[in-house]
Amino acid sequence: MTKQKVQAGRNWYAVHTYAGYEDAVVRNLKQRIESLGMEDKIFSAVVPTEKKIKIVGGKRKTIEEKIYPGYVLVDMIVTDNSWYVVRNTPRVTGFVGAGTTPVPFDKKEVDTLFERMGVAEPKYKMDVKVGDVVRINDGPFKDFEGAINATDEEKGKIKILISMFGRETPVEIDYLQVKKI
């Protein structure tokens, strides 16, 4: 890292890790910071996650999903010693940047990312709209097809008109139970 120009001051940096070991890297890094007395140079390490809603066994479940698998964000002042502590943490493969020079996140990028991580209530991102034809893939109406009549993004529900008993019947189901045809 020596003889490389690094942006002075405290910044957020992305550290590449082995995939699936992000939480272990954060734990190891926090232990190393404490034991090596680097609290004044390395301030925190986080695994960026967001809440998502999944349907498992017909029930809604909120899960934490990694935004950037294989990466950990570290808030630090880069010096030769702090770079060495982070870089030589078990399961860390390196900093994101050119060569051995870590490139910091822009303040705007960090704010956007933490805003995304801090959302208390998971949001639904509906990729369907009124009039789209969908197939129901879960629940009592599995394999029925119908046209979307109404959407409620706040609750994550949609109303579908399905053909049942020889007439169009409106059914309200969870958005995650359909697939666009």
Protein backbone atom coordinates (compact mmCIF):
# COMPACT_ATOMS: atom_id res chain seq x y z
CA MET A 1 0.00 0.00 0.00
CA THR A 2 2.94 2.32 0.44
CA LYS A 3 3.71 4.94 -2.22
CA GLN A 4 0.05 4.92 -3.30
CA LYS A 5 -2.04 8.07 -3.06
CA VAL A 6 -5.03 7.52 -0.78
CA GLN A 7 -7.84 9.99 -0.07
CA ALA A 8 -7.20 11.48 3.36
CA GLY A 9 -9.77 11.38 6.15
CA ARG A 10 -12.52 9.07 7.25
CA ASN A 11 -14.40 7.28 4.45
CA TRP A 12 -16.39 4.14 3.70
CA TYR A 13 -14.60 1.46 1.68
CA ALA A 14 -15.78 -1.81 0.14
CA VAL A 15 -13.80 -4.91 1.07
CA HIS A 16 -14.07 -8.05 -1.05
CA THR A 17 -14.56 -11.27 0.93
CA TYR A 18 -15.22 -14.92 0.25
CA ALA A 19 -18.91 -15.26 -0.64
CA GLY A 20 -20.97 -16.41 2.32
CA TYR A 21 -18.36 -15.33 4.89
CA GLU A 22 -19.37 -11.66 5.17
CA ASP A 23 -20.65 -11.94 8.76
CA ALA A 24 -17.55 -13.90 9.82
CA VAL A 25 -15.32 -11.20 8.29
CA VAL A 26 -17.16 -8.49 10.25
CA ARG A 27 -16.77 -10.49 13.50
CA ASN A 28 -13.07 -11.18 12.85
CA LEU A 29 -12.39 -7.59 11.86
CA LYS A 30 -14.06 -6.24 15.02
CA GLN A 31 -11.95 -8.60 17.16
CA ARG A 32 -8.76 -7.54 15.33
CA ILE A 33 -9.61 -3.84 15.75
CA GLU A 34 -10.04 -4.34 19.49
CA SER A 35 -7.00 -6.52 20.03
CA LEU A 36 -4.68 -4.33 17.92
CA GLY A 37 -6.02 -1.05 19.32
CA MET A 38 -7.17 0.36 15.96
CA GLU A 39 -10.41 1.95 17.22
CA ASP A 40 -9.08 5.39 16.28
CA LYS A 41 -8.54 4.39 12.61
CA ILE A 42 -11.18 1.71 11.87
CA PHE A 43 -14.60 2.73 13.15
CA SER A 44 -17.07 0.11 11.95
CA ALA A 45 -17.72 -2.73 9.54
CA VAL A 46 -21.14 -3.70 8.21
CA VAL A 47 -22.67 -6.23 5.85
CA PRO A 48 -25.18 -4.28 3.73
CA THR A 49 -28.54 -6.07 3.95
CA GLU A 50 -32.17 -5.26 3.22
CA LYS A 51 -35.45 -6.82 4.24
CA LYS A 52 -37.37 -8.75 1.62
CA ILE A 53 -40.60 -10.68 1.76
CA LYS A 54 -40.67 -14.28 0.57
CA ILE A 55 -43.36 -16.91 0.61
CA VAL A 56 -42.19 -20.15 2.20
CA GLY A 57 -44.66 -23.00 2.52
CA GLY A 58 -47.58 -20.71 1.73
CA LYS A 59 -46.67 -18.26 4.51
CA ARG A 60 -45.10 -14.83 4.25
CA LYS A 61 -41.65 -14.55 5.74
CA THR A 62 -39.44 -11.46 6.07
CA ILE A 63 -35.80 -12.25 5.41
CA GLU A 64 -32.58 -10.25 5.44
CA GLU A 65 -30.87 -10.45 2.06
CA LYS A 66 -27.36 -9.20 1.32
CA ILE A 67 -27.35 -6.24 -1.05
CA TYR A 68 -23.77 -6.93 -2.19
CA PRO A 69 -22.89 -10.60 -1.60
CA GLY A 70 -19.16 -11.03 -1.11
CA TYR A 71 -18.58 -7.48 0.16
CA VAL A 72 -18.32 -5.76 3.53
CA LEU A 73 -18.32 -1.99 4.07
CA VAL A 74 -15.67 -0.56 6.38
CA ASP A 75 -15.66 2.97 7.84
CA MET A 76 -12.01 3.88 8.35
CA ILE A 77 -9.11 6.26 7.90
CA VAL A 78 -6.66 4.56 5.54
CA THR A 79 -3.09 4.36 6.82
CA ASP A 80 -0.50 1.67 6.21
CA ASN A 81 -1.42 0.03 9.54
CA SER A 82 -5.21 0.21 9.13
CA TRP A 83 -4.96 -1.07 5.54
CA TYR A 84 -2.80 -3.98 6.77
CA VAL A 85 -5.26 -4.87 9.59
CA VAL A 86 -8.25 -5.01 7.22
CA ARG A 87 -6.42 -6.63 4.31
CA ASN A 88 -5.01 -9.43 6.47
CA THR A 89 -8.27 -10.28 8.21
CA PRO A 90 -9.16 -13.93 7.54
CA ARG A 91 -11.35 -14.44 4.43
CA VAL A 92 -10.71 -10.91 3.08
CA THR A 93 -9.41 -10.96 -0.48
CA GLY A 94 -8.78 -7.24 -0.82
CA PHE A 95 -10.14 -3.73 -1.11
CA VAL A 96 -12.18 -2.55 -4.05
CA GLY A 97 -9.98 -0.19 -6.04
CA ALA A 98 -7.09 0.03 -8.45
CA GLY A 99 -4.17 -2.18 -7.44
CA THR A 100 -3.66 -1.88 -3.71
CA THR A 101 -5.25 1.59 -3.48
CA PRO A 102 -8.72 1.43 -1.92
CA VAL A 103 -11.32 3.70 -3.56
CA PRO A 104 -13.81 5.27 -1.10
CA PHE A 105 -17.57 5.45 -1.62
CA ASP A 106 -19.04 8.87 -2.39
CA LYS A 107 -21.01 10.39 0.51
CA LYS A 108 -24.16 10.27 -1.66
CA GLU A 109 -23.69 6.54 -2.38
CA VAL A 110 -23.25 5.75 1.31
CA ASP A 111 -26.34 7.78 2.28
CA THR A 112 -28.44 6.01 -0.38
CA LEU A 113 -27.18 2.59 0.72
CA PHE A 114 -27.86 3.20 4.42
CA GLU A 115 -31.29 4.57 3.58
CA ARG A 116 -31.99 1.34 1.69
CA MET A 117 -30.69 -0.73 4.61
CA GLY A 118 -32.67 1.23 7.21
CA VAL A 119 -36.11 0.70 5.72
CA ALA A 120 -38.09 -0.71 8.64
CA GLU A 121 -40.96 -2.14 6.64
CA PRO A 122 -40.03 -4.17 3.57
CA LYS A 123 -41.44 -2.79 0.35
CA TYR A 124 -42.99 -4.66 -2.53
CA LYS A 125 -41.65 -4.01 -5.99
CA MET A 126 -44.47 -4.99 -8.26
CA ASP A 127 -43.46 -5.74 -11.82
CA VAL A 128 -47.08 -6.23 -12.89
CA LYS A 129 -49.85 -3.76 -13.62
CA VAL A 130 -53.59 -3.70 -14.13
CA GLY A 131 -54.50 -5.66 -17.26
CA ASP A 132 -51.51 -8.04 -17.16
CA VAL A 133 -52.26 -11.75 -17.43
CA VAL A 134 -50.70 -13.79 -14.62
CA ARG A 135 -50.58 -17.38 -13.36
CA ILE A 136 -51.11 -18.09 -9.67
CA ASN A 137 -48.23 -20.26 -8.43
CA ASP A 138 -49.16 -20.81 -4.78
CA GLY A 139 -52.20 -21.17 -2.54
CA PRO A 140 -55.68 -22.60 -3.13
CA PHE A 141 -55.92 -21.10 -6.64
CA LYS A 142 -52.59 -22.55 -7.81
CA ASP A 143 -52.28 -22.89 -11.64
CA PHE A 144 -55.28 -20.61 -12.30
CA GLU A 145 -54.70 -17.82 -14.82
CA GLY A 146 -56.35 -14.44 -14.86
CA ALA A 147 -56.08 -10.73 -15.59
CA ILE A 148 -55.09 -8.26 -12.89
CA ASN A 149 -58.04 -6.05 -11.95
CA ALA A 150 -56.41 -3.92 -9.19
CA THR A 151 -53.14 -3.59 -7.27
CA ASP A 152 -52.37 -2.44 -3.73
CA GLU A 153 -48.62 -1.85 -3.46
CA GLU A 154 -48.86 -0.76 0.17
CA LYS A 155 -50.22 -4.16 1.27
CA GLY A 156 -48.61 -6.19 -1.52
CA LYS A 157 -51.98 -7.51 -2.68
CA ILE A 158 -53.51 -7.80 -6.14
CA LYS A 159 -57.02 -8.60 -7.37
CA ILE A 160 -57.24 -11.05 -10.23
CA LEU A 161 -60.27 -12.01 -12.29
CA ILE A 162 -60.17 -15.78 -12.76
CA SER A 163 -62.63 -17.93 -14.67
CA MET A 164 -64.41 -20.20 -12.19
CA PHE A 165 -67.81 -21.87 -12.36
CA GLY A 166 -68.35 -20.41 -15.83
CA ARG A 167 -67.90 -16.76 -14.86
CA GLU A 168 -65.22 -14.24 -13.94
CA THR A 169 -64.56 -14.28 -10.20
CA PRO A 170 -62.39 -11.66 -8.43
CA VAL A 171 -59.75 -13.12 -6.13
CA GLU A 172 -57.45 -11.07 -3.87
CA ILE A 173 -54.09 -12.69 -3.28
CA ASP A 174 -50.57 -11.79 -2.28
CA TYR A 175 -48.42 -10.31 -5.05
CA LEU A 176 -45.70 -12.91 -4.41
CA GLN A 177 -48.10 -15.71 -5.34
CA VAL A 178 -48.28 -14.81 -9.05
CA LYS A 179 -46.02 -14.95 -12.05
CA LYS A 180 -46.47 -12.80 -15.12
CA ILE A 181 -47.16 -14.79 -18.28
